[in-house]
Amino acid sequence: MPFLLVLVLFIAGCSSSELPGAPQLASGQVETYPPASLSPQQVQVIYAGVQRRLTDPASARFSGIVAGKMPDGNLYVCGSVDARTREGSYTGDQPFFGTLDQRGFVPATIGGTPEQSQAMRNYCRQQLALS
């Protein structure tokens, strides 16, 4: 539970229009990236990057992982993870996003309040031009 508290406090300082790690255009519009396919190896690297931030990494269940190619060649990745808390209950799907490069996957943020989670999902849809 301390991890979730720290995560919530970290995200609480962000408004829905200004998410941590989220590239923005000067005009305030969301920059979009063309879709990119992920290899099975890249997906495993993404899993490992998210799992490093979880209380119970082995319990992680991933869904909805999508990527877009950034101008520098790195990949911008969005997805969801459901994992157990220290108490043993599952969190429910928590959105995450971050950058995948040659060094690995670094999630900018994972989950938050229901409002923050919805804002993250909306942001990822815009960022990756998803419907």
C-alpha atoms as a PDB file:
ATOM      1  CA  MET A   1       0.000   0.000   0.000  1.00  0.00           C
ATOM      2  CA  PRO A   2       2.851   2.488   0.600  1.00  0.00           C
ATOM      3  CA  PHE A   3       3.743   2.237  -3.113  1.00  0.00           C
ATOM      4  CA  LEU A   4       0.200   3.161  -4.092  1.00  0.00           C
ATOM      5  CA  LEU A   5       0.216   6.053  -1.636  1.00  0.00           C
ATOM      6  CA  VAL A   6       3.511   7.353  -3.040  1.00  0.00           C
ATOM      7  CA  LEU A   7       2.185   6.905  -6.585  1.00  0.00           C
ATOM      8  CA  VAL A   8      -1.037   8.746  -5.797  1.00  0.00           C
ATOM      9  CA  LEU A   9       0.883  11.573  -4.138  1.00  0.00           C
ATOM     10  CA  PHE A  10       3.239  11.766  -7.124  1.00  0.00           C
ATOM     11  CA  ILE A  11       0.381  11.973  -9.588  1.00  0.00           C
ATOM     12  CA  ALA A  12      -1.746  14.239  -7.393  1.00  0.00           C
ATOM     13  CA  GLY A  13       0.490  17.184  -8.218  1.00  0.00           C
ATOM     14  CA  CYS A  14      -0.359  16.864 -11.921  1.00  0.00           C
ATOM     15  CA  SER A  15      -3.430  18.223 -13.622  1.00  0.00           C
ATOM     16  CA  SER A  16      -5.188  16.110 -16.234  1.00  0.00           C
ATOM     17  CA  SER A  17      -3.788  18.333 -18.974  1.00  0.00           C
ATOM     18  CA  GLU A  18      -0.211  18.175 -17.705  1.00  0.00           C
ATOM     19  CA  LEU A  19       0.938  14.630 -17.077  1.00  0.00           C
ATOM     20  CA  PRO A  20       4.504  13.807 -16.016  1.00  0.00           C
ATOM     21  CA  GLY A  21       6.703  12.612 -18.848  1.00  0.00           C
ATOM     22  CA  ALA A  22       4.134  13.649 -21.437  1.00  0.00           C
ATOM     23  CA  PRO A  23       5.665  15.540 -24.353  1.00  0.00           C
ATOM     24  CA  GLN A  24       3.634  18.614 -25.308  1.00  0.00           C
ATOM     25  CA  LEU A  25       3.745  21.017 -28.222  1.00  0.00           C
ATOM     26  CA  ALA A  26       4.357  24.662 -27.424  1.00  0.00           C
ATOM     27  CA  SER A  27       0.737  25.447 -28.294  1.00  0.00           C
ATOM     28  CA  GLY A  28      -0.442  23.045 -25.583  1.00  0.00           C
ATOM     29  CA  GLN A  29      -1.691  20.497 -28.093  1.00  0.00           C
ATOM     30  CA  VAL A  30      -0.724  16.870 -27.740  1.00  0.00           C
ATOM     31  CA  GLU A  31       1.980  15.697 -30.134  1.00  0.00           C
ATOM     32  CA  THR A  32       0.948  12.508 -31.925  1.00  0.00           C
ATOM     33  CA  TYR A  33       3.225   9.670 -32.939  1.00  0.00           C
ATOM     34  CA  PRO A  34       2.677   7.211 -35.802  1.00  0.00           C
ATOM     35  CA  PRO A  35       1.788   3.652 -34.717  1.00  0.00           C
ATOM     36  CA  ALA A  36       4.649   1.237 -34.205  1.00  0.00           C
ATOM     37  CA  SER A  37       4.580  -2.542 -33.900  1.00  0.00           C
ATOM     38  CA  LEU A  38       6.199  -4.142 -30.886  1.00  0.00           C
ATOM     39  CA  SER A  39       8.241  -7.326 -31.103  1.00  0.00           C
ATOM     40  CA  PRO A  40       7.705 -10.017 -28.452  1.00  0.00           C
ATOM     41  CA  GLN A  41      11.106  -9.049 -26.996  1.00  0.00           C
ATOM     42  CA  GLN A  42      10.090  -5.381 -26.717  1.00  0.00           C
ATOM     43  CA  VAL A  43       6.853  -6.380 -24.987  1.00  0.00           C
ATOM     44  CA  GLN A  44       8.871  -8.382 -22.450  1.00  0.00           C
ATOM     45  CA  VAL A  45      11.097  -5.337 -21.817  1.00  0.00           C
ATOM     46  CA  ILE A  46       7.971  -3.219 -21.230  1.00  0.00           C
ATOM     47  CA  TYR A  47       6.611  -5.818 -18.788  1.00  0.00           C
ATOM     48  CA  ALA A  48       9.923  -5.820 -16.889  1.00  0.00           C
ATOM     49  CA  GLY A  49      10.010  -2.009 -16.716  1.00  0.00           C
ATOM     50  CA  VAL A  50       6.516  -1.835 -15.230  1.00  0.00           C
ATOM     51  CA  GLN A  51       7.037  -4.804 -12.923  1.00  0.00           C
ATOM     52  CA  ARG A  52      10.063  -3.097 -11.327  1.00  0.00           C
ATOM     53  CA  ARG A  53       7.619  -0.496  -9.966  1.00  0.00           C
ATOM     54  CA  LEU A  54       5.019  -2.949  -8.588  1.00  0.00           C
ATOM     55  CA  THR A  55       4.621  -4.347  -5.092  1.00  0.00           C
ATOM     56  CA  ASP A  56       3.907  -7.853  -6.436  1.00  0.00           C
ATOM     57  CA  PRO A  57       5.557  -8.034  -9.876  1.00  0.00           C
ATOM     58  CA  ALA A  58       4.696 -11.699 -10.457  1.00  0.00           C
ATOM     59  CA  SER A  59       0.965 -10.954 -10.211  1.00  0.00           C
ATOM     60  CA  ALA A  60       0.989  -8.378 -13.042  1.00  0.00           C
ATOM     61  CA  ARG A  61      -1.565  -8.840 -15.819  1.00  0.00           C
ATOM     62  CA  PHE A  62      -1.054  -6.546 -18.805  1.00  0.00           C
ATOM     63  CA  SER A  63      -3.483  -5.363 -21.469  1.00  0.00           C
ATOM     64  CA  GLY A  64      -3.886  -2.791 -24.205  1.00  0.00           C
ATOM     65  CA  ILE A  65      -0.203  -2.178 -24.881  1.00  0.00           C
ATOM     66  CA  VAL A  66       0.285   0.125 -27.885  1.00  0.00           C
ATOM     67  CA  ALA A  67       3.230   2.156 -29.152  1.00  0.00           C
ATOM     68  CA  GLY A  68       4.067   5.105 -31.370  1.00  0.00           C
ATOM     69  CA  LYS A  69       7.387   6.087 -32.872  1.00  0.00           C
ATOM     70  CA  MET A  70       8.813   9.345 -31.563  1.00  0.00           C
ATOM     71  CA  PRO A  71      10.919  11.649 -33.786  1.00  0.00           C
ATOM     72  CA  ASP A  72      14.116  10.476 -32.041  1.00  0.00           C
ATOM     73  CA  GLY A  73      13.342   6.833 -32.934  1.00  0.00           C
ATOM     74  CA  ASN A  74      12.364   5.791 -29.425  1.00  0.00           C
ATOM     75  CA  LEU A  75       8.904   4.373 -28.760  1.00  0.00           C
ATOM     76  CA  TYR A  76       6.183   6.005 -26.693  1.00  0.00           C
ATOM     77  CA  VAL A  77       4.206   3.191 -25.026  1.00  0.00           C
ATOM     78  CA  CYS A  78       0.817   3.132 -23.321  1.00  0.00           C
ATOM     79  CA  GLY A  79      -0.969   0.215 -21.668  1.00  0.00           C
ATOM     80  CA  SER A  80      -2.674  -1.071 -18.538  1.00  0.00           C
ATOM     81  CA  VAL A  81      -1.587  -3.314 -15.696  1.00  0.00           C
ATOM     82  CA  ASP A  82      -3.578  -5.069 -12.982  1.00  0.00           C
ATOM     83  CA  ALA A  83      -1.489  -6.290 -10.046  1.00  0.00           C
ATOM     84  CA  ARG A  84      -1.889  -7.307  -6.441  1.00  0.00           C
ATOM     85  CA  THR A  85      -1.359  -4.943  -3.575  1.00  0.00           C
ATOM     86  CA  ARG A  86       0.450  -5.924  -0.369  1.00  0.00           C
ATOM     87  CA  GLU A  87      -2.969  -6.868   1.029  1.00  0.00           C
ATOM     88  CA  GLY A  88      -3.439  -9.359  -1.828  1.00  0.00           C
ATOM     89  CA  SER A  89      -6.272  -7.628  -3.683  1.00  0.00           C
ATOM     90  CA  TYR A  90      -5.958  -6.609  -7.320  1.00  0.00           C
ATOM     91  CA  THR A  91      -5.841  -2.912  -8.184  1.00  0.00           C
ATOM     92  CA  GLY A  92      -7.926  -3.164 -11.340  1.00  0.00           C
ATOM     93  CA  ASP A  93      -6.541  -1.962 -14.656  1.00  0.00           C
ATOM     94  CA  GLN A  94      -4.178   0.923 -14.010  1.00  0.00           C
ATOM     95  CA  PRO A  95      -2.939   2.843 -17.058  1.00  0.00           C
ATOM     96  CA  PHE A  96       0.742   3.470 -17.616  1.00  0.00           C
ATOM     97  CA  PHE A  97       2.842   5.241 -20.200  1.00  0.00           C
ATOM     98  CA  GLY A  98       6.521   5.734 -20.789  1.00  0.00           C
ATOM     99  CA  THR A  99       9.415   5.516 -23.219  1.00  0.00           C
ATOM    100  CA  LEU A 100      11.089   2.437 -24.674  1.00  0.00           C
ATOM    101  CA  ASP A 101      14.639   2.914 -25.909  1.00  0.00           C
ATOM    102  CA  GLN A 102      17.806   0.817 -26.202  1.00  0.00           C
ATOM    103  CA  ARG A 103      18.267   0.868 -22.424  1.00  0.00           C
ATOM    104  CA  GLY A 104      14.797  -0.465 -21.624  1.00  0.00           C
ATOM    105  CA  PHE A 105      11.334   0.766 -20.736  1.00  0.00           C
ATOM    106  CA  VAL A 106      10.914   3.581 -18.245  1.00  0.00           C
ATOM    107  CA  PRO A 107       7.323   4.177 -17.155  1.00  0.00           C
ATOM    108  CA  ALA A 108       6.637   7.870 -16.589  1.00  0.00           C
ATOM    109  CA  THR A 109       3.671   7.030 -14.379  1.00  0.00           C
ATOM    110  CA  ILE A 110       1.359   4.174 -13.430  1.00  0.00           C
ATOM    111  CA  GLY A 111      -2.214   4.575 -12.197  1.00  0.00           C
ATOM    112  CA  GLY A 112      -3.634   7.218  -9.921  1.00  0.00           C
ATOM    113  CA  THR A 113      -7.066   8.384  -8.875  1.00  0.00           C
ATOM    114  CA  PRO A 114      -9.956   7.411 -11.183  1.00  0.00           C
ATOM    115  CA  GLU A 115      -9.890  10.926 -12.667  1.00  0.00           C
ATOM    116  CA  GLN A 116      -6.131  10.834 -13.240  1.00  0.00           C
ATOM    117  CA  SER A 117      -6.358   7.351 -14.746  1.00  0.00           C
ATOM    118  CA  GLN A 118      -9.052   8.519 -17.163  1.00  0.00           C
ATOM    119  CA  ALA A 119      -6.976  11.566 -18.081  1.00  0.00           C
ATOM    120  CA  MET A 120      -3.988   9.280 -18.766  1.00  0.00           C
ATOM    121  CA  ARG A 121      -6.102   7.007 -20.973  1.00  0.00           C
ATOM    122  CA  ASN A 122      -7.419  10.012 -22.903  1.00  0.00           C
ATOM    123  CA  TYR A 123      -3.925  11.436 -23.255  1.00  0.00           C
ATOM    124  CA  CYS A 124      -2.583   8.140 -24.619  1.00  0.00           C
ATOM    125  CA  ARG A 125      -5.458   7.929 -27.102  1.00  0.00           C
ATOM    126  CA  GLN A 126      -4.553  11.409 -28.349  1.00  0.00           C
ATOM    127  CA  GLN A 127      -0.784  10.802 -28.260  1.00  0.00           C
ATOM    128  CA  LEU A 128      -1.066   7.646 -30.351  1.00  0.00           C
ATOM    129  CA  ALA A 129      -4.071   8.815 -32.436  1.00  0.00           C
ATOM    130  CA  LEU A 130      -6.222   5.934 -31.187  1.00  0.00           C
ATOM    131  CA  SER A 131      -9.988   5.923 -31.461  1.00  0.00           C
END
